[in-house]
């Protein structure tokens, strides 16, 4: 799998010596001037001083950089050139599903009727937005096999928390065993947000180990499930990228114990339009629209994590619910006494809902089905070729096809050469390829989780495979090249601990000045 185009091409990221906007500040320079109030407003309300409540007035003007519009444009353009995005190259971040965001989605979200709506606007003036959300709920319910959906959660993790709280409320109101059922079962290969969401909801986490095949160990599940079980949080296909073939038996074990089955939708890109969680026996589902439905994400947001439930749990969904009246108009229903309440102001990130609606509308059922098929094909193509490269392996059963992602182990590469999975990830940047997810799941040593998604072409996948081959060759011949990578990026190799530690982060100009004073 040698790709001469990749090997000969020199990838260089822009590297601007770009100061902060505050450091460019020049007193008196303006990028924009607020126009004076129109005469009609002045006649009606007088000056701004009479309009703005005294409690909301600043004591002094905000400390903003004084720069021209051109300086602002150049500043952010240079920063964008020093960054990496899915629009620039392959972004195989496993379980994050960094797929291409079609421009038609952006066009739909920028329509003035959507983009300029005010959260407090009269419902009679935003019927189109309500109709879009109501219809999106119906589509997501059909795609997941659920009976009712809320669009309120603004992220996957918030969707998880919402789903777990619904499960808790079900046990409080229906089974009357809320205090008794204080355990949440979670596989050892689960996403880290699963135990976090369960713990935030007050549950004790019980870890269920994986079998030698990388699947849920059924015997261990049977031992763990019992009268204290509130439910099981699971994603299918799992984090290894393998479909849980015993999902019907898993659902039976949990339900027989009186618990509920929760579906983590992070890996939904493998099955949309192919199989539905509701048909597998799941009671609660969350989806990541910012992943599966191709809405932009990264850098902390924005996101969207709708939650779907079966009919028995619908009364616990957050309020308000979007309803369609008999006359065809749309409204909001707050009359759900057993609702868990609101989990987000208004309806989360509405622009993400418009983008997801556009994505589903443009693809249709057959398109969604085809997208999943190609995502699975791409992941298996990558897994088949990389596992044959010296130093890399495909853990667990190689006979089971991978779904949307594959987890490659660099354990042998580390043992032979000292080159770690993190070193490989850093070196990939020099080829214009973003690194995969590393060291996850924890059950795979030196893990590299690769999710190519359906949007990557065969040529780009071949470039990815060739990069792994080149890195392997370098590791066994000139390991220092890999150890010192990246060399072509705007910033060199970072200290991940210091970069993420709260004490080293400088999040504002005020913090910068305070640190300098220290």
Protein backbone atom coordinates (compact mmCIF):
# COMPACT_ATOMS: atom_id res chain seq x y z
CA UNK A 1 0.00 0.00 0.00
CA UNK A 2 2.62 2.50 -1.14
CA UNK A 3 1.34 5.90 -2.15
CA UNK A 4 4.04 7.90 -3.93
CA UNK A 5 1.91 11.01 -3.86
CA UNK A 6 1.95 10.90 -0.06
CA UNK A 7 5.62 10.04 0.31
CA UNK A 8 6.80 12.77 -2.04
CA UNK A 9 4.48 15.49 -0.87
CA UNK A 10 5.81 18.01 1.65
CA UNK A 11 3.12 19.05 4.11
CA UNK A 12 3.70 22.38 5.80
CA UNK A 13 1.28 24.09 8.13
CA UNK A 14 1.15 27.89 8.25
CA UNK A 15 3.23 29.25 11.12
CA UNK A 16 2.46 32.90 11.76
CA UNK A 17 4.07 34.88 14.55
CA UNK A 18 0.66 36.15 15.51
CA UNK A 19 0.24 38.41 18.56
CA UNK A 20 -2.98 38.69 20.54
CA UNK A 21 -5.51 41.27 19.40
CA UNK A 22 -4.91 43.09 22.68
CA UNK A 23 -1.24 43.31 21.76
CA UNK A 24 -2.23 44.87 18.43
CA UNK A 25 -4.44 47.42 20.15
CA UNK A 26 -3.89 51.04 19.15
CA UNK A 27 -5.86 53.73 21.05
CA UNK A 28 -8.49 55.40 18.93
CA UNK A 29 -8.67 52.74 16.19
CA UNK A 30 -12.20 51.45 15.55
CA UNK A 31 -13.51 48.47 13.60
CA UNK A 32 -17.13 49.47 13.96
CA UNK A 33 -19.09 52.45 15.15
CA UNK A 34 -22.52 51.99 16.68
CA UNK A 35 -25.01 54.23 14.84
CA UNK A 36 -27.00 56.82 16.72
CA UNK A 37 -30.53 55.96 17.74
CA UNK A 38 -33.12 56.69 15.07
CA UNK A 39 -35.13 59.83 15.79
CA UNK A 40 -38.35 57.84 16.31
CA UNK A 41 -36.72 55.79 19.10
CA UNK A 42 -35.22 58.88 20.70
CA UNK A 43 -38.61 60.58 20.69
CA UNK A 44 -40.28 57.52 22.25
CA UNK A 45 -37.68 56.50 24.83
CA UNK A 46 -35.17 59.30 25.06
CA UNK A 47 -31.48 58.47 25.52
CA UNK A 48 -29.96 55.05 26.13
CA UNK A 49 -29.59 56.05 29.77
CA UNK A 50 -33.36 56.05 30.13
CA UNK A 51 -33.76 52.69 28.34
CA UNK A 52 -31.12 50.57 30.12
CA UNK A 53 -31.88 49.74 33.78
CA UNK A 54 -29.35 51.18 36.18
CA UNK A 55 -28.56 47.71 37.59
CA UNK A 56 -27.43 46.56 34.14
CA UNK A 57 -25.14 49.49 33.37
CA UNK A 58 -21.37 49.05 33.50
CA UNK A 59 -19.37 51.32 35.72
CA UNK A 60 -16.83 51.70 32.94
CA UNK A 61 -16.50 50.78 29.28
CA UNK A 62 -15.49 47.17 28.54
CA UNK A 63 -11.77 46.62 28.03
CA UNK A 64 -11.71 45.69 24.35
CA UNK A 65 -8.82 45.82 21.87
CA UNK A 66 -8.85 48.89 19.65
CA UNK A 67 -8.20 47.52 16.17
CA UNK A 68 -9.48 48.01 12.64
CA UNK A 69 -11.75 45.60 10.80
CA UNK A 70 -8.87 44.57 8.54
CA UNK A 71 -6.68 43.74 11.53
CA UNK A 72 -9.47 41.59 12.98
CA UNK A 73 -9.99 39.73 9.68
CA UNK A 74 -6.26 39.10 9.19
CA UNK A 75 -5.84 37.98 12.80
CA UNK A 76 -8.50 35.28 12.67
CA UNK A 77 -7.59 34.23 9.13
CA UNK A 78 -4.00 33.60 10.26
CA UNK A 79 -5.19 31.65 13.29
CA UNK A 80 -7.40 29.51 11.03
CA UNK A 81 -4.41 28.78 8.79
CA UNK A 82 -2.51 27.49 11.83
CA UNK A 83 -5.35 25.15 12.74
CA UNK A 84 -6.42 21.76 11.39
CA UNK A 85 -9.98 20.91 10.38
CA UNK A 86 -11.93 18.24 8.53
CA UNK A 87 -12.06 20.69 5.60
CA UNK A 88 -8.27 20.44 5.25
CA UNK A 89 -7.57 16.74 5.60
CA UNK A 90 -8.45 13.34 7.05
CA UNK A 91 -9.62 13.59 10.65
CA UNK A 92 -9.94 9.96 11.89
CA UNK A 93 -10.75 10.75 15.51
CA UNK A 94 -12.34 7.53 16.75
CA UNK A 95 -15.84 7.70 18.26
CA UNK A 96 -15.94 11.45 17.62
CA UNK A 97 -17.12 10.94 14.02
CA UNK A 98 -15.44 13.98 12.49
CA UNK A 99 -17.19 13.78 9.15
CA UNK A 100 -17.49 16.47 6.51
CA UNK A 101 -20.17 19.11 7.15
CA UNK A 102 -22.08 19.66 3.88
CA UNK A 103 -22.39 23.31 2.91
CA UNK A 104 -26.09 22.88 2.21
CA UNK A 105 -26.54 22.42 5.97
CA UNK A 106 -24.82 25.75 6.59
CA UNK A 107 -26.99 27.41 3.96
CA UNK A 108 -30.16 26.15 5.63
CA UNK A 109 -29.04 27.21 9.11
CA UNK A 110 -28.19 30.72 7.87
CA UNK A 111 -31.68 31.38 6.49
CA UNK A 112 -32.91 34.55 8.16
CA UNK A 113 -36.13 32.87 9.31
CA UNK A 114 -34.02 30.52 11.44
CA UNK A 115 -30.87 32.49 12.18
CA UNK A 116 -32.66 35.65 13.37
CA UNK A 117 -35.30 34.08 15.59
CA UNK A 118 -35.28 35.33 19.17
CA UNK A 119 -35.62 32.76 21.99
CA UNK A 120 -38.49 34.77 23.52
CA UNK A 121 -40.31 35.34 20.25
CA UNK A 122 -44.06 34.80 20.15
CA UNK A 123 -44.85 31.21 19.13
CA UNK A 124 -47.15 32.49 16.40
CA UNK A 125 -44.11 34.05 14.72
CA UNK A 126 -41.89 30.96 14.76
CA UNK A 127 -44.20 28.25 13.50
CA UNK A 128 -41.63 27.19 10.89
CA UNK A 129 -38.98 26.53 13.53
CA UNK A 130 -41.43 24.60 15.69
CA UNK A 131 -42.53 22.55 12.70
CA UNK A 132 -38.91 21.74 11.85
CA UNK A 133 -38.21 20.57 15.40
CA UNK A 134 -41.45 18.59 15.61
CA UNK A 135 -40.70 16.85 12.32
CA UNK A 136 -37.07 16.21 13.33
CA UNK A 137 -38.34 14.53 16.50
CA UNK A 138 -40.53 12.22 14.39
CA UNK A 139 -37.62 11.36 12.10
CA UNK A 140 -35.25 10.61 14.96
CA UNK A 141 -37.89 8.47 16.65
CA UNK A 142 -38.28 6.46 13.45
CA UNK A 143 -34.52 6.13 12.91
CA UNK A 144 -33.91 4.92 16.48
CA UNK A 145 -37.08 2.87 16.97
CA UNK A 146 -38.21 5.02 19.90
CA UNK A 147 -41.70 6.40 20.59
CA UNK A 148 -40.85 9.95 21.71
CA UNK A 149 -37.85 12.28 21.43
CA UNK A 150 -36.64 15.48 23.08
CA UNK A 151 -34.24 17.80 21.26
CA UNK A 152 -33.37 19.81 24.34
CA UNK A 153 -29.96 18.41 25.42
CA UNK A 154 -27.16 20.46 23.88
CA UNK A 155 -24.44 17.78 23.90
CA UNK A 156 -23.96 14.03 23.96
CA UNK A 157 -22.92 14.05 27.61
CA UNK A 158 -25.95 16.15 28.52
CA UNK A 159 -28.08 13.69 26.56
CA UNK A 160 -26.57 10.87 28.62
CA UNK A 161 -27.35 12.67 31.87
CA UNK A 162 -30.90 13.35 30.65
CA UNK A 163 -31.39 9.69 29.77
CA UNK A 164 -30.06 8.48 33.10
CA UNK A 165 -32.28 10.92 35.00
CA UNK A 166 -35.28 9.61 33.04
CA UNK A 167 -34.31 6.08 34.10
CA UNK A 168 -34.06 7.25 37.69
CA UNK A 169 -37.47 8.91 37.54
CA UNK A 170 -38.96 5.74 36.05
CA UNK A 171 -37.75 3.71 39.01
CA UNK A 172 -39.00 6.36 41.42
CA UNK A 173 -42.49 6.64 39.93
CA UNK A 174 -43.18 3.25 38.31
CA UNK A 175 -41.20 0.48 39.98
CA UNK A 176 -41.11 2.39 43.31
CA UNK A 177 -37.57 1.04 43.73
CA UNK A 178 -35.51 4.18 43.19
CA UNK A 179 -33.52 3.82 46.43
CA UNK A 180 -33.06 0.09 46.01
CA UNK A 181 -31.87 0.29 42.40
CA UNK A 182 -28.73 2.31 43.00
CA UNK A 183 -26.35 0.51 40.59
CA UNK A 184 -25.66 1.31 36.95
CA UNK A 185 -23.92 -1.42 34.93
CA UNK A 186 -21.30 -0.14 32.48
CA UNK A 187 -18.90 -2.19 30.29
CA UNK A 188 -15.18 -1.68 30.82
CA UNK A 189 -14.86 -0.51 27.19
CA UNK A 190 -17.52 2.20 27.59
CA UNK A 191 -17.00 5.87 26.84
CA UNK A 192 -15.75 7.81 29.85
CA UNK A 193 -18.86 9.97 29.95
CA UNK A 194 -21.03 6.93 30.77
CA UNK A 195 -19.75 6.38 34.32
CA UNK A 196 -19.54 10.14 34.79
CA UNK A 197 -23.21 10.63 33.84
CA UNK A 198 -24.28 7.72 36.05
CA UNK A 199 -22.29 9.05 39.01
CA UNK A 200 -23.72 12.56 38.55
CA UNK A 201 -27.20 11.06 38.72
CA UNK A 202 -26.32 9.42 42.05
CA UNK A 203 -25.64 5.87 40.89
CA UNK A 204 -22.89 3.50 41.95
CA UNK A 205 -21.06 2.29 38.85
CA UNK A 206 -20.59 -1.46 38.42
CA UNK A 207 -18.05 -2.32 35.73
CA UNK A 208 -18.83 -5.29 33.49
CA UNK A 209 -15.68 -6.82 31.94
CA UNK A 210 -15.26 -7.67 28.27
CA UNK A 211 -14.86 -11.19 26.94
CA UNK A 212 -11.91 -12.44 24.90
CA UNK A 213 -13.84 -11.35 21.80
CA UNK A 214 -14.07 -7.75 23.01
CA UNK A 215 -17.80 -8.12 23.72
CA UNK A 216 -19.82 -7.90 26.93
CA UNK A 217 -19.04 -10.94 29.08
CA UNK A 218 -22.47 -12.52 29.47
CA UNK A 219 -21.55 -14.54 32.56
CA UNK A 220 -20.21 -11.42 34.27
CA UNK A 221 -23.35 -9.50 33.29
CA UNK A 222 -25.57 -12.21 34.75
CA UNK A 223 -23.61 -12.04 38.03
CA UNK A 224 -23.83 -8.25 38.18
CA UNK A 225 -27.51 -7.81 37.23
CA UNK A 226 -29.96 -8.08 40.10
CA UNK A 227 -32.41 -6.26 42.38
CA UNK A 228 -30.03 -3.30 42.75
CA UNK A 229 -29.68 -2.77 38.99
CA UNK A 230 -31.16 0.42 37.58
CA UNK A 231 -29.92 -0.30 34.08
CA UNK A 232 -27.07 -0.97 31.68
CA UNK A 233 -25.41 1.75 29.59
CA UNK A 234 -24.13 0.33 26.32
CA UNK A 235 -23.21 1.33 22.81
CA UNK A 236 -23.63 -1.07 19.90
CA UNK A 237 -21.39 -1.49 18.01
CA UNK A 238 -19.09 -1.18 20.99
CA UNK A 239 -15.95 0.90 21.38
CA UNK A 240 -13.77 -1.83 19.89
CA UNK A 241 -15.83 -1.37 16.74
CA UNK A 242 -17.49 -4.81 17.00
CA UNK A 243 -21.25 -5.38 16.97
CA UNK A 244 -22.62 -6.95 20.17
CA UNK A 245 -24.03 -10.09 18.54
CA UNK A 246 -25.70 -11.20 21.78
CA UNK A 247 -27.62 -7.95 22.20
CA UNK A 248 -30.99 -9.72 22.47
CA UNK A 249 -29.71 -11.86 25.33
CA UNK A 250 -28.09 -8.83 26.96
CA UNK A 251 -31.41 -6.96 26.83
CA UNK A 252 -33.17 -10.00 28.29
CA UNK A 253 -30.74 -10.25 31.22
CA UNK A 254 -31.14 -6.57 32.12
CA UNK A 255 -34.91 -6.51 31.71
CA UNK A 256 -35.38 -9.73 33.66
CA UNK A 257 -33.47 -8.10 36.51
CA UNK A 258 -35.90 -5.15 36.39
CA UNK A 259 -33.45 -2.71 34.86
CA UNK A 260 -33.55 -0.53 31.74
CA UNK A 261 -31.24 -0.62 28.73
CA UNK A 262 -29.59 2.65 27.70
CA UNK A 263 -28.07 3.20 24.24
CA UNK A 264 -25.07 5.52 23.93
CA UNK A 265 -25.41 6.89 20.39
CA UNK A 266 -21.76 7.84 19.91
CA UNK A 267 -21.32 4.92 17.51
CA UNK A 268 -24.65 5.33 15.73
CA UNK A 269 -22.87 6.21 12.47
CA UNK A 270 -22.41 2.48 11.87
CA UNK A 271 -26.07 1.53 11.99
CA UNK A 272 -28.29 4.47 11.00
CA UNK A 273 -30.80 3.29 8.47
CA UNK A 274 -29.64 -0.31 8.95
CA UNK A 275 -30.84 -1.40 12.41
CA UNK A 276 -32.61 0.45 15.22
CA UNK A 277 -31.72 0.43 18.95
CA UNK A 278 -35.42 0.12 19.79
CA UNK A 279 -35.57 -3.15 17.87
CA UNK A 280 -32.57 -4.43 19.85
CA UNK A 281 -34.41 -3.91 23.14
CA UNK A 282 -33.09 -0.52 24.24
CA UNK A 283 -35.42 1.68 26.31
CA UNK A 284 -33.51 4.98 26.15
CA UNK A 285 -31.32 6.35 23.36
CA UNK A 286 -29.23 9.46 22.96
CA UNK A 287 -27.85 10.61 19.62
CA UNK A 288 -24.97 12.94 18.84
CA UNK A 289 -26.30 15.09 16.01
CA UNK A 290 -22.97 16.91 15.94
CA UNK A 291 -21.40 13.58 14.96
CA UNK A 292 -23.78 11.31 13.08
CA UNK A 293 -25.80 14.07 11.43
CA UNK A 294 -22.73 16.05 10.32
CA UNK A 295 -23.18 19.29 12.23
CA UNK A 296 -19.91 21.08 13.11
CA UNK A 297 -18.31 20.33 16.43
CA UNK A 298 -15.01 20.41 18.25
CA UNK A 299 -13.32 22.83 20.59
CA UNK A 300 -16.04 22.46 23.19
CA UNK A 301 -19.10 22.91 21.00
CA UNK A 302 -21.59 23.40 19.67
CA UNK A 303 -23.30 20.06 20.07
CA UNK A 304 -26.70 18.43 20.17
CA UNK A 305 -27.70 15.30 22.06
CA UNK A 306 -31.41 14.44 21.57
CA UNK A 307 -32.84 11.66 23.72
CA UNK A 308 -35.43 9.12 22.58
CA UNK A 309 -37.46 6.86 24.86
CA UNK A 310 -40.08 4.14 24.59
CA UNK A 311 -43.73 4.89 25.28
CA UNK A 312 -43.52 3.93 28.95
CA UNK A 313 -40.86 6.58 29.61
CA UNK A 314 -42.28 9.42 27.48
CA UNK A 315 -43.96 11.17 30.42
CA UNK A 316 -40.55 11.77 32.02
CA UNK A 317 -39.03 13.69 29.09
CA UNK A 318 -37.94 17.31 29.70
CA UNK A 319 -40.47 20.11 29.28
CA UNK A 320 -41.68 21.76 27.22
CA UNK A 321 -42.71 19.20 24.59
CA UNK A 322 -43.45 20.37 21.05
CA UNK A 323 -47.02 19.50 20.09
CA UNK A 324 -49.04 19.71 16.89
CA UNK A 325 -52.53 21.09 17.40
CA UNK A 326 -55.62 19.85 15.56
CA UNK A 327 -55.57 22.94 13.33
CA UNK A 328 -52.02 22.14 12.19
CA UNK A 329 -50.28 24.81 14.25
CA UNK A 330 -47.52 24.03 16.73
CA UNK A 331 -47.17 24.85 20.40
CA UNK A 332 -45.35 23.94 23.60
CA UNK A 333 -46.73 21.68 26.32
CA UNK A 334 -45.51 22.14 29.89
CA UNK A 335 -48.18 19.91 31.45
CA UNK A 336 -46.07 16.87 32.27
CA UNK A 337 -46.21 16.40 36.07
CA UNK A 338 -43.65 13.59 36.02
CA UNK A 339 -41.15 15.36 33.74
CA UNK A 340 -37.56 15.57 34.95
CA UNK A 341 -37.82 19.29 34.13
CA UNK A 342 -35.69 21.39 31.82
CA UNK A 343 -32.10 20.35 31.12
CA UNK A 344 -31.22 23.28 28.86
CA UNK A 345 -32.50 26.78 28.27
CA UNK A 346 -34.95 26.94 25.38
CA UNK A 347 -34.14 24.19 22.86
CA UNK A 348 -30.39 23.79 23.07
CA UNK A 349 -28.37 24.69 20.02
CA UNK A 350 -31.16 25.33 17.51
CA UNK A 351 -28.73 25.90 14.62
CA UNK A 352 -27.48 22.34 15.04
CA UNK A 353 -31.05 21.05 14.76
CA UNK A 354 -31.50 22.89 11.46
CA UNK A 355 -28.27 21.39 10.13
CA UNK A 356 -29.25 17.88 11.20
CA UNK A 357 -32.69 18.32 9.64
CA UNK A 358 -31.04 19.41 6.39
CA UNK A 359 -28.68 16.41 6.47
CA UNK A 360 -31.48 13.87 6.95
CA UNK A 361 -33.79 15.60 4.48
CA UNK A 362 -31.14 15.69 1.74
CA UNK A 363 -30.07 12.04 2.18
CA UNK A 364 -33.36 10.35 2.94
CA UNK A 365 -33.64 6.78 4.22
CA UNK A 366 -31.60 5.24 1.43
CA UNK A 367 -28.88 7.85 1.80
CA UNK A 368 -28.56 7.31 5.55
CA UNK A 369 -28.38 3.56 4.98
CA UNK A 370 -25.69 4.03 2.33
CA UNK A 371 -23.68 6.37 4.54
CA UNK A 372 -23.51 3.69 7.24
CA UNK A 373 -22.51 1.03 4.72
CA UNK A 374 -19.63 3.14 3.41
CA UNK A 375 -18.52 4.07 6.94
CA UNK A 376 -18.29 0.37 7.81
CA UNK A 377 -16.53 -0.43 4.54
CA UNK A 378 -13.95 2.31 5.11
CA UNK A 379 -13.21 1.16 8.67
CA UNK A 380 -12.70 -2.43 7.56
CA UNK A 381 -10.48 -1.35 4.66
CA UNK A 382 -8.25 0.58 7.06
CA UNK A 383 -8.22 -2.24 9.64
CA UNK A 384 -7.32 -4.87 7.03
CA UNK A 385 -4.28 -2.98 5.74
CA UNK A 386 -2.88 -1.42 8.93
CA UNK A 387 -2.97 -4.68 10.89
CA UNK A 388 -0.48 -6.11 8.34
CA UNK A 389 2.04 -3.30 8.90
CA UNK A 390 5.00 -4.19 11.10
CA UNK A 391 4.49 -3.17 14.75
CA UNK A 392 0.69 -2.83 14.53
CA UNK A 393 -2.06 -5.34 15.28
CA UNK A 394 -5.84 -5.59 15.44
CA UNK A 395 -6.80 -6.78 18.96
CA UNK A 396 -9.53 -9.33 19.61
CA UNK A 397 -11.12 -11.52 16.98
CA UNK A 398 -9.90 -10.63 13.50
CA UNK A 399 -12.73 -12.67 12.00
CA UNK A 400 -15.38 -10.24 13.27
CA UNK A 401 -15.88 -7.31 10.92
CA UNK A 402 -15.32 -3.88 12.37
CA UNK A 403 -18.15 -1.40 12.15
CA UNK A 404 -17.62 2.37 11.93
CA UNK A 405 -14.20 2.32 13.59
CA UNK A 406 -11.27 0.03 14.29
CA UNK A 407 -8.88 0.01 17.23
CA UNK A 408 -5.26 -0.65 16.30
CA UNK A 409 -2.67 -1.55 18.92
CA UNK A 410 0.90 -0.23 18.67
CA UNK A 411 2.05 -2.39 21.59
CA UNK A 412 4.52 -4.41 19.50
CA UNK A 413 5.89 -1.22 17.94
CA UNK A 414 6.55 0.13 21.41
CA UNK A 415 8.16 -3.11 22.59
CA UNK A 416 10.40 -3.31 19.51
CA UNK A 417 11.37 0.34 19.04
CA UNK A 418 10.18 2.41 22.01
CA UNK A 419 7.80 4.33 19.74
CA UNK A 420 4.44 4.78 21.46
CA UNK A 421 0.92 5.30 20.16
CA UNK A 422 1.25 8.98 21.10
CA UNK A 423 4.44 9.24 19.03
CA UNK A 424 2.62 7.75 16.05
CA UNK A 425 -0.24 10.20 16.51
CA UNK A 426 2.14 13.17 16.58
CA UNK A 427 4.02 11.97 13.49
CA UNK A 428 0.76 11.66 11.51
CA UNK A 429 0.41 15.42 11.75
CA UNK A 430 3.48 15.81 9.55
CA UNK A 431 1.59 14.03 6.77
CA UNK A 432 -1.36 16.41 6.96
CA UNK A 433 -3.49 13.83 8.79
CA UNK A 434 -5.04 14.46 12.17
CA UNK A 435 -4.24 11.87 14.80
CA UNK A 436 -6.74 9.15 15.77
CA UNK A 437 -8.01 8.88 19.33
CA UNK A 438 -5.16 7.45 21.42
CA UNK A 439 -5.06 5.24 24.54
CA UNK A 440 -8.78 4.49 24.34
CA UNK A 441 -10.46 2.16 25.02
CA UNK A 442 -8.38 1.33 28.06
CA UNK A 443 -8.65 -2.41 27.47
CA UNK A 444 -6.36 -2.10 24.41
CA UNK A 445 -2.68 -1.34 25.13
CA UNK A 446 -1.19 1.49 23.04
CA UNK A 447 -4.55 1.98 21.38
CA UNK A 448 -5.11 4.01 18.20
CA UNK A 449 -8.85 4.31 17.54
CA UNK A 450 -9.46 5.14 13.88
CA UNK A 451 -12.83 6.23 12.50
CA UNK A 452 -12.52 7.22 8.83
CA UNK A 453 -16.29 7.88 8.41
CA UNK A 454 -18.08 7.59 5.07
CA UNK A 455 -16.81 10.92 3.77
CA UNK A 456 -13.21 9.82 3.17
CA UNK A 457 -12.34 8.64 -0.33
CA UNK A 458 -10.29 5.53 -1.11
CA UNK A 459 -7.40 7.80 -2.16
CA UNK A 460 -7.40 9.52 1.24
CA UNK A 461 -7.63 6.20 3.07
CA UNK A 462 -4.65 4.96 1.06
CA UNK A 463 -2.74 8.07 2.15
CA UNK A 464 -3.60 7.27 5.77
CA UNK A 465 -2.44 3.66 5.40
CA UNK A 466 0.75 4.77 3.63
CA UNK A 467 1.48 7.18 6.47
CA UNK A 468 1.26 4.31 8.97
CA UNK A 469 3.61 2.27 6.78
CA UNK A 470 6.12 5.13 6.61
CA UNK A 471 5.96 5.69 10.37
CA UNK A 472 6.57 1.97 10.94
CA UNK A 473 9.60 2.06 8.63
CA UNK A 474 10.95 5.13 10.45
CA UNK A 475 10.35 3.57 13.89
CA UNK A 476 12.50 0.55 13.03
CA UNK A 477 15.23 2.53 11.22
CA UNK A 478 15.34 6.15 12.45
CA UNK A 479 13.10 6.35 15.52
CA UNK A 480 14.26 9.86 16.44
CA UNK A 481 12.28 11.22 13.49
CA UNK A 482 9.09 9.88 15.04
CA UNK A 483 10.07 10.77 18.60
CA UNK A 484 10.62 14.42 17.69
CA UNK A 485 7.46 14.83 15.61
CA UNK A 486 5.66 16.92 14.62
CA UNK A 487 8.08 19.19 12.78
CA UNK A 488 5.82 20.75 10.15
CA UNK A 489 3.02 22.12 12.31
CA UNK A 490 2.54 25.63 13.66
CA UNK A 491 3.40 24.35 17.15
CA UNK A 492 5.89 21.61 17.94
CA UNK A 493 5.39 18.67 20.31
CA UNK A 494 3.37 19.76 23.32
CA UNK A 495 3.44 18.70 26.94
CA UNK A 496 -0.10 17.30 27.10
CA UNK A 497 -0.27 17.48 30.89
CA UNK A 498 0.73 21.13 31.12
CA UNK A 499 -1.46 22.05 28.15
CA UNK A 500 -4.54 20.63 29.86
CA UNK A 501 -3.78 21.53 33.47
CA UNK A 502 -6.04 24.32 34.85
CA UNK A 503 -3.10 26.13 36.45
CA UNK A 504 -1.36 26.58 33.11
CA UNK A 505 -4.36 27.70 31.05
CA UNK A 506 -4.69 31.38 30.22
CA UNK A 507 -8.27 31.86 29.09
CA UNK A 508 -8.55 35.65 28.99
CA UNK A 509 -6.53 38.83 28.64
CA UNK A 510 -7.30 39.57 32.29
CA UNK A 511 -5.77 36.24 33.33
CA UNK A 512 -2.74 37.00 31.16
CA UNK A 513 -2.19 40.35 32.92
CA UNK A 514 -2.69 38.79 36.37
CA UNK A 515 -0.12 36.05 35.62
CA UNK A 516 2.38 38.64 34.43
CA UNK A 517 1.90 40.57 37.66
CA UNK A 518 2.69 37.44 39.65
